[in-house]
Each structure stands twice: as C-alpha cells, then as structure tokens.
Amino acid sequence: MVKEHKKETFKHLVMRFLLILLGATMAAVSIELFLVPNSIIDGGIIGISLILDYLTPIPFGILMVVINLPFLFFGYKHIGKNFFISSIFAIVALAIIEFPLHPIPGVVDDPLLATVFGGLILGAGVGLVIRNGGALDGTEILGILLTRKLPFSVGEFVMFVNIFIFLWAGFVLGWEHAMYSILTYYIASKTIDIVIQGLDDTKAVIIVSDEFIELGAAINSRLGRSVTKLHGKGGYEESAKDVIYVVVTRLEISKLKHIVADIDPKAFVTIMDTQEVHGGTFKAAIH
C-alpha cells in the first residue's frame, strides 16, 4: 500500500516564503549596493540581465523576469508546480525590491571589497532561495533539460554558458571588471554551497578489516559513533568480508585513523566527503 504524501502545513509554507523573500532581498542588496555601482556582474541570468541593463534602457528587474520566464515554464513542466511558484515569487520579489534600491549610492567604491562582500551576500541570498524550493536563475534549469540529450553534465553546461557571459562582460565593462566578476561568481557559488549544504564538514568512512568486531566496538566507545556493518565479498579470493561504514566530523578523522591503526594496521580505509547528514543520533556523539 502506497502512503499518501503529507501536504505542506500553512505555517511551514509561510516560513518558507518568508525565507525566499529574505533571500531575494539579500540578492537585490548585493546587486544594487555592491555590484552595479562597481560595474561587476554575476554569472547566469543575473549576469546577462546586468549586462543588458548597461546596454539598454530596460531595468534590470524587468530583464530578470522576462529572461527567466521561458526557463521557469520548462521548470514547471519538468520539475513541478511548487518549484515554479516559489521561483516566480523569488524573481518578482527581487525585481520589486531592486527598484527602490537603484538610486541609492553604493556601499563601497573599492572593486575588491564589492567583489568579496557582494559575492558573499548574493550567494547567501540565492542559497536561501534554492534551499527553500525556488530559484533566481534559469540557467541550471536549461542545463538539466539539455544535458539529457547532450554529452555534458549540468555543471559543465553552466560553466560553458558562463564563459561566454564573462567574455561578453569583458567587451562591455572592461577586462578588469570581467575578472572581478569571475571572482564574484566563484565566491557566490561557494557561499551557495555552504547555505544549501550547511557548515557541518562530515566524512563518510568505509573500513575493510578482519577485525571488524573490535574496530566497531572501539569506534563506538572511543568516538561515540554508531557504525553500520555491511556484508561483502573479496573480488580476488571470493572470501566473505564484513565492511564497517561510519560517518564522522572532519575533526574526528585523525582519531579514527589512530583507532584503526592501533587495532588493524593492514585495514583498507576509504574516506569520502559528504554533503549533509540527517537522522539517527549523529549530533549526540560523545568524545
């Protein structure tokens, strides 16, 4: 029997749209008070809209809405109604909030400061919107659709598009401003990752060892981490192997290595980055 999905509560819906509004506000502040006064752009649709804003009398907000609409339409067909509504709300909010900010002088006139802080604020704003189910940029939506038929990943497609945007910015704004724009894009993209994935830097560890029982007990008692034992088979000798899987924080990696080396120096250890950890008693670990 298939369970019915629970509908989003009104309280959660209101909170989600308030956070989207906050994200759109932060993006508007970054664009109008940091980037535009210093002739710096971001990548994607925001970057295209900012360049066209320099070249035409059409306001940035209107350009953002018009250029994003076709991508959002495809997003509605392929990603869902909630995504479409959340994104439309975010983009329209950005356009409305940006308008009264336009006459206000920039916060800083140092391009490097504008690049760093503008990128941080923009990335935090865009990240909030994405984390709450919307988008301010249709480039990735186009990438998702096109890469189904092209031999590229979404990331490669977005990078390819942005190369042309920054080259265009070099001819329109000057190459120095284009280089500042690339730095802004990098800072914003890293900030988006932090907002979406969180600040917790966790690692997933796989340990192949004949001493799996003792290792599991030691990790549990000395690190306070629960372990999962997986059953496997050696590819060469076809012998049964028990594998330990555990998630730890970055600061616990050194101690985990010491535990493994102390019990089984010949153990095979693989350490992988993780994006997020949910559920269980992960936060309640003792040391």
Protein backbone atom coordinates (compact mmCIF):
# COMPACT_ATOMS: atom_id res chain seq x y z
CA MET A 1 0.00 0.00 0.00
CA VAL A 2 1.46 3.37 -1.07
CA LYS A 3 1.39 6.04 1.63
CA GLU A 4 -0.07 9.41 0.79
CA HIS A 5 2.32 12.33 0.95
CA LYS A 6 1.56 14.82 3.69
CA LYS A 7 0.63 18.28 2.47
CA GLU A 8 2.80 21.21 3.48
CA THR A 9 1.38 22.94 6.58
CA PHE A 10 0.37 26.59 6.34
CA LYS A 11 2.96 27.56 8.98
CA HIS A 12 5.74 25.85 7.05
CA LEU A 13 4.54 27.40 3.78
CA VAL A 14 4.59 30.92 5.27
CA MET A 15 8.04 30.40 6.81
CA ARG A 16 9.39 29.04 3.51
CA PHE A 17 8.15 32.03 1.51
CA LEU A 18 9.47 34.45 4.14
CA LEU A 19 12.91 32.87 3.79
CA ILE A 20 12.63 33.08 -0.01
CA LEU A 21 11.74 36.77 0.39
CA LEU A 22 14.76 37.28 2.64
CA GLY A 23 16.98 35.57 0.06
CA ALA A 24 15.62 37.74 -2.76
CA THR A 25 16.16 40.86 -0.62
CA MET A 26 19.79 39.90 0.06
CA ALA A 27 20.36 39.31 -3.66
CA ALA A 28 18.85 42.71 -4.51
CA VAL A 29 21.00 44.46 -1.89
CA SER A 30 24.14 42.78 -3.22
CA ILE A 31 23.36 43.66 -6.84
CA GLU A 32 22.32 47.30 -6.32
CA LEU A 33 24.58 48.36 -3.44
CA PHE A 34 27.74 46.38 -4.20
CA LEU A 35 27.96 45.01 -7.76
CA VAL A 36 26.22 47.52 -10.06
CA PRO A 37 27.95 50.66 -8.65
CA ASN A 38 31.31 48.98 -9.33
CA SER A 39 30.40 47.58 -12.79
CA ILE A 40 30.62 43.98 -11.58
CA ILE A 41 28.27 41.17 -12.58
CA ASP A 42 27.50 37.60 -11.59
CA GLY A 43 27.07 34.61 -13.88
CA GLY A 44 23.92 33.10 -15.35
CA ILE A 45 20.70 35.02 -15.98
CA ILE A 46 21.64 37.62 -13.36
CA GLY A 47 24.83 38.34 -15.29
CA ILE A 48 23.04 38.53 -18.66
CA SER A 49 20.41 40.87 -17.18
CA LEU A 50 23.07 43.13 -15.66
CA ILE A 51 24.94 43.42 -18.98
CA LEU A 52 21.72 44.20 -20.86
CA ASP A 53 20.89 46.74 -18.15
CA TYR A 54 24.12 48.54 -19.08
CA LEU A 55 23.39 48.34 -22.81
CA THR A 56 19.65 49.11 -22.89
CA PRO A 57 17.20 51.39 -21.03
CA ILE A 58 15.28 48.33 -19.79
CA PRO A 59 15.54 47.99 -15.97
CA PHE A 60 17.38 45.02 -14.51
CA GLY A 61 14.29 43.72 -12.66
CA ILE A 62 12.18 43.52 -15.82
CA LEU A 63 15.02 41.81 -17.69
CA MET A 64 15.34 39.21 -14.90
CA VAL A 65 11.65 38.35 -15.07
CA VAL A 66 11.41 38.27 -18.88
CA ILE A 67 14.58 36.22 -19.49
CA ASN A 68 13.78 33.72 -16.72
CA LEU A 69 10.18 33.11 -17.79
CA PRO A 70 10.84 30.55 -20.56
CA PHE A 71 13.18 28.57 -18.31
CA LEU A 72 10.65 28.62 -15.48
CA PHE A 73 7.95 27.43 -17.86
CA PHE A 74 10.07 24.38 -18.71
CA GLY A 75 10.80 24.02 -15.00
CA TYR A 76 7.05 23.89 -14.37
CA LYS A 77 6.64 21.11 -16.93
CA HIS A 78 9.63 19.03 -15.81
CA ILE A 79 10.36 19.92 -12.16
CA GLY A 80 6.96 20.78 -10.67
CA LYS A 81 4.36 23.37 -9.74
CA ASN A 82 5.81 24.19 -6.31
CA PHE A 83 9.21 24.95 -7.82
CA PHE A 84 7.59 27.18 -10.45
CA ILE A 85 5.54 29.17 -7.90
CA SER A 86 8.47 29.55 -5.49
CA SER A 87 10.78 30.71 -8.28
CA ILE A 88 8.29 33.19 -9.72
CA PHE A 89 7.78 34.61 -6.23
CA ALA A 90 11.55 34.94 -5.70
CA ILE A 91 12.24 36.58 -9.07
CA VAL A 92 9.33 39.03 -8.84
CA ALA A 93 10.33 39.89 -5.26
CA LEU A 94 13.89 40.57 -6.44
CA ALA A 95 12.62 42.82 -9.23
CA ILE A 96 10.34 44.80 -6.88
CA ILE A 97 12.91 45.18 -4.08
CA GLU A 98 15.67 46.12 -6.54
CA PHE A 99 13.75 49.09 -7.95
CA PRO A 100 13.81 51.43 -4.85
CA LEU A 101 17.44 50.43 -4.16
CA HIS A 102 18.65 51.58 -7.59
CA PRO A 103 19.05 55.32 -6.76
CA ILE A 104 20.94 54.59 -3.51
CA PRO A 105 24.74 55.09 -3.79
CA GLY A 106 26.92 52.02 -3.47
CA VAL A 107 28.14 50.95 -0.05
CA VAL A 108 31.79 50.73 -1.18
CA ASP A 109 33.72 52.06 -4.17
CA ASP A 110 36.58 49.58 -3.85
CA PRO A 111 36.02 46.87 -6.51
CA LEU A 112 37.75 44.19 -4.42
CA LEU A 113 35.58 44.87 -1.36
CA ALA A 114 32.48 44.98 -3.57
CA THR A 115 33.50 41.67 -5.13
CA VAL A 116 34.05 39.86 -1.83
CA PHE A 117 31.10 41.16 0.18
CA GLY A 118 28.79 41.41 -2.82
CA GLY A 119 29.56 37.80 -3.70
CA LEU A 120 29.01 36.64 -0.12
CA ILE A 121 25.65 38.42 0.24
CA LEU A 122 24.48 37.36 -3.22
CA GLY A 123 25.48 33.74 -2.63
CA ALA A 124 23.73 33.68 0.76
CA GLY A 125 20.57 35.13 -0.81
CA VAL A 126 20.50 32.76 -3.78
CA GLY A 127 21.30 29.84 -1.47
CA LEU A 128 18.33 30.69 0.78
CA VAL A 129 16.02 30.74 -2.23
CA ILE A 130 17.30 27.38 -3.52
CA ARG A 131 17.21 25.80 -0.05
CA ASN A 132 13.54 26.72 0.22
CA GLY A 133 12.47 25.28 -3.12
CA GLY A 134 12.93 28.14 -5.61
CA ALA A 135 15.49 29.60 -8.00
CA LEU A 136 16.65 33.02 -9.17
CA ASP A 137 18.47 31.74 -12.23
CA GLY A 138 17.08 29.64 -15.06
CA THR A 139 20.49 28.59 -16.43
CA GLU A 140 20.60 25.38 -14.39
CA ILE A 141 17.04 24.52 -15.42
CA LEU A 142 18.12 24.78 -19.07
CA GLY A 143 21.17 22.70 -18.22
CA ILE A 144 19.03 19.95 -16.68
CA LEU A 145 16.87 19.79 -19.81
CA LEU A 146 19.64 19.99 -22.43
CA THR A 147 22.09 17.61 -20.76
CA ARG A 148 19.56 14.81 -21.14
CA LYS A 149 20.44 14.86 -24.86
CA LEU A 150 23.97 16.29 -24.76
CA PRO A 151 27.14 14.55 -23.51
CA PHE A 152 27.71 17.14 -20.75
CA SER A 153 26.87 17.39 -17.06
CA VAL A 154 24.75 20.27 -15.72
CA GLY A 155 27.85 21.78 -14.10
CA GLU A 156 29.81 21.65 -17.35
CA PHE A 157 26.92 23.26 -19.25
CA VAL A 158 26.59 26.11 -16.72
CA MET A 159 30.35 26.70 -16.80
CA PHE A 160 30.29 26.76 -20.60
CA VAL A 161 27.50 29.37 -20.61
CA ASN A 162 29.26 31.49 -18.00
CA ILE A 163 32.49 31.56 -20.02
CA PHE A 164 30.61 33.36 -22.80
CA ILE A 165 28.88 35.69 -20.31
CA PHE A 166 32.19 36.78 -18.77
CA LEU A 167 33.80 37.17 -22.20
CA TRP A 168 30.85 39.39 -23.15
CA ALA A 169 31.31 41.31 -19.91
CA GLY A 170 34.95 41.87 -20.82
CA PHE A 171 33.98 43.64 -24.05
CA VAL A 172 31.15 45.64 -22.44
CA LEU A 173 32.54 46.50 -18.98
CA GLY A 174 36.27 46.09 -19.50
CA TRP A 175 38.51 43.12 -18.77
CA GLU A 176 39.40 44.20 -15.24
CA HIS A 177 35.71 44.33 -14.30
CA ALA A 178 35.19 40.97 -16.01
CA MET A 179 37.91 39.43 -13.84
CA TYR A 180 36.30 40.89 -10.71
CA SER A 181 33.02 39.40 -11.95
CA ILE A 182 34.56 35.93 -12.24
CA LEU A 183 35.80 36.24 -8.66
CA THR A 184 32.33 37.35 -7.55
CA TYR A 185 30.78 34.33 -9.26
CA TYR A 186 33.25 32.00 -7.53
CA ILE A 187 32.61 33.49 -4.08
CA ALA A 188 28.84 33.44 -4.61
CA SER A 189 28.84 29.80 -5.80
CA LYS A 190 30.87 28.65 -2.77
CA THR A 191 28.55 30.59 -0.44
CA ILE A 192 25.52 28.99 -2.11
CA ASP A 193 27.01 25.54 -1.39
CA ILE A 194 27.52 26.44 2.28
CA VAL A 195 23.95 27.74 2.67
CA ILE A 196 22.40 24.72 0.93
CA GLN A 197 24.60 22.02 2.48
CA GLY A 198 25.30 23.61 5.87
CA LEU A 199 28.54 24.27 7.71
CA ASP A 200 28.96 20.73 9.05
CA ASP A 201 32.01 19.19 7.41
CA THR A 202 31.41 15.47 7.68
CA LYS A 203 33.18 12.46 6.22
CA ALA A 204 31.86 9.02 5.32
CA VAL A 205 34.39 6.28 6.10
CA ILE A 206 34.43 2.69 4.80
CA ILE A 207 36.77 0.25 6.57
CA VAL A 208 37.54 -3.25 5.30
CA SER A 209 39.15 -5.32 8.05
CA ASP A 210 39.15 -8.81 9.53
CA GLU A 211 38.98 -7.13 12.95
CA PHE A 212 35.61 -5.55 12.22
CA ILE A 213 34.07 -6.56 15.57
CA GLU A 214 36.82 -4.98 17.66
CA LEU A 215 37.01 -1.94 15.37
CA GLY A 216 33.27 -1.35 15.57
CA ALA A 217 33.32 -1.56 19.36
CA ALA A 218 36.33 0.79 19.60
CA ILE A 219 34.79 3.41 17.28
CA ASN A 220 31.57 3.27 19.27
CA SER A 221 33.22 3.58 22.69
CA ARG A 222 36.10 5.96 21.88
CA LEU A 223 34.39 8.20 19.31
CA GLY A 224 30.77 7.78 20.33
CA ARG A 225 29.81 7.00 16.74
CA SER A 226 27.43 4.24 15.70
CA VAL A 227 28.73 2.02 12.92
CA THR A 228 26.95 0.02 10.23
CA LYS A 229 28.31 -3.37 9.25
CA LEU A 230 27.91 -4.32 5.60
CA HIS A 231 28.43 -7.83 4.21
CA GLY A 232 30.68 -8.08 1.17
CA LYS A 233 32.89 -10.49 -0.73
CA GLY A 234 36.51 -10.14 -1.79
CA GLY A 235 36.88 -9.77 -5.55
CA TYR A 236 40.10 -11.79 -5.74
CA GLU A 237 39.77 -14.58 -3.18
CA GLU A 238 35.93 -14.63 -3.18
CA SER A 239 36.07 -14.75 0.63
CA ALA A 240 33.38 -13.12 2.80
CA LYS A 241 34.27 -9.67 4.08
CA ASP A 242 32.49 -7.53 6.67
CA VAL A 243 32.77 -3.82 5.97
CA ILE A 244 32.33 -1.02 8.51
CA TYR A 245 30.56 2.18 7.46
CA VAL A 246 30.67 5.22 9.77
CA VAL A 247 30.14 8.98 9.43
CA VAL A 248 32.38 11.31 11.45
CA THR A 249 33.25 15.00 11.53
CA ARG A 250 36.42 16.38 9.97
CA LEU A 251 37.97 16.84 13.42
CA GLU A 252 37.41 13.16 14.25
CA ILE A 253 39.25 11.80 11.20
CA SER A 254 42.66 11.83 12.88
CA LYS A 255 41.37 9.99 15.95
CA LEU A 256 39.57 7.44 13.77
CA LYS A 257 42.78 6.76 11.82
CA HIS A 258 44.61 6.23 15.10
CA ILE A 259 41.97 3.74 16.28
CA VAL A 260 42.19 1.78 13.02
CA ALA A 261 46.00 1.78 13.01
CA ASP A 262 46.06 0.63 16.63
CA ILE A 263 43.73 -2.35 16.05
CA ASP A 264 44.44 -3.34 12.43
CA PRO A 265 47.30 -1.52 10.62
CA LYS A 266 46.50 -3.51 7.45
CA ALA A 267 42.87 -2.36 7.27
CA PHE A 268 41.74 -0.81 3.99
CA VAL A 269 40.22 2.65 4.72
CA THR A 270 38.32 4.90 2.31
CA ILE A 271 37.37 8.45 3.40
CA MET A 272 34.78 10.39 1.38
CA ASP A 273 33.24 13.85 1.62
CA THR A 274 29.54 14.07 2.48
CA GLN A 275 27.17 16.95 1.81
CA GLU A 276 24.62 16.51 4.58
CA VAL A 277 23.81 14.15 7.42
CA HIS A 278 20.26 13.68 8.70
CA GLY A 279 18.58 11.40 11.19
CA GLY A 280 19.89 8.99 13.76
CA THR A 281 21.87 10.20 16.77
CA PHE A 282 24.73 11.75 14.86
CA LYS A 283 24.69 15.05 16.78
CA ALA A 284 24.63 13.33 20.15
CA ALA A 285 28.04 11.70 19.82
CA ILE A 286 30.37 11.78 22.83
CA HIS A 287 34.14 12.09 22.91
